[in-house]
Amino acid sequence: MKEYTMCPVTKSRARELIIVNHYSHKWSSCRYALGLYNKTGVICGVAIYGYPVGRRVVTSISPIVKPDEVLELTRLWLRDEEPHNTESYFLGCTFNWLRIHTNIRVLISYSDPMYGHLGIIYQATNWWYQGNATMLVKGYYHVVLGEQLHPRTCVAKHGSVKASILTQIDPDYHRIEMPHKHRYLYVLHKKDRKFISSTLKHPILPYPKGEDYVREPNRRGFS
């Protein structure tokens, strides 16, 4: 791991790498973009942290945590050829950077079972697991012209998520209920952990496990 270094990367470069390499091929909320470089100076991983998109996300964590003290790990990508433990090492480096350079206290992230993700990388780096029942409202993917779109992407691309409008674009339009995502929290500072854990609005639960699940099915993207 001494062969790697980590430092901020421009959002334009991070966006390019995520769109090309991440399994979603989509950009997301970004406040900080951090890159992992090998000894030859080649960027081999990117972590994207942004403010949570949902208005109620922060208030659903703890009453003592302020909106500007929470970031969401919105995208994490690592080249397939990097050693297995590089994921954990890279995340640890981002934690240290955030401790030094920001006032962030809590990180939140989700693993999407629709892509077969249980959140193994979060379990390996000791995040708190809060189950998959923390979503306050049901969400839906919109299938338009054979493409499955997140609501925000659907609005950006087609101007609406209303069935009356989308069926004019595609008579076969339909929507799919989003599976409940697994939610994970990470408290950056040790001095905060006991206090925040005692004020959580959702309990800390045992990690979900798969009987024959060894690692995320696609190492090219985890979040």
Foldseek 3Di string as FASTA:
>chain_A
DVQKDKDFDDPVVVLVLCLVFAPVSDDDAADTKMFMAGNVGDTFKIWGKHQDPDPCPQVQFFPVDDSQQEIERPKIFGHPPDDPCVLLVVVVVVLVVCVPPHNHFKYKYWFACVQPAQPVSCVVNDWFWQAQPSDPDKAKWKQAPNDTHGQVRCCVVQVHPDPVRRCVRPVPIDIDIGGRIIMTMDGSDPVCVVVSQVGTNTHGDDRDDDPPDDDRPDNRIGD
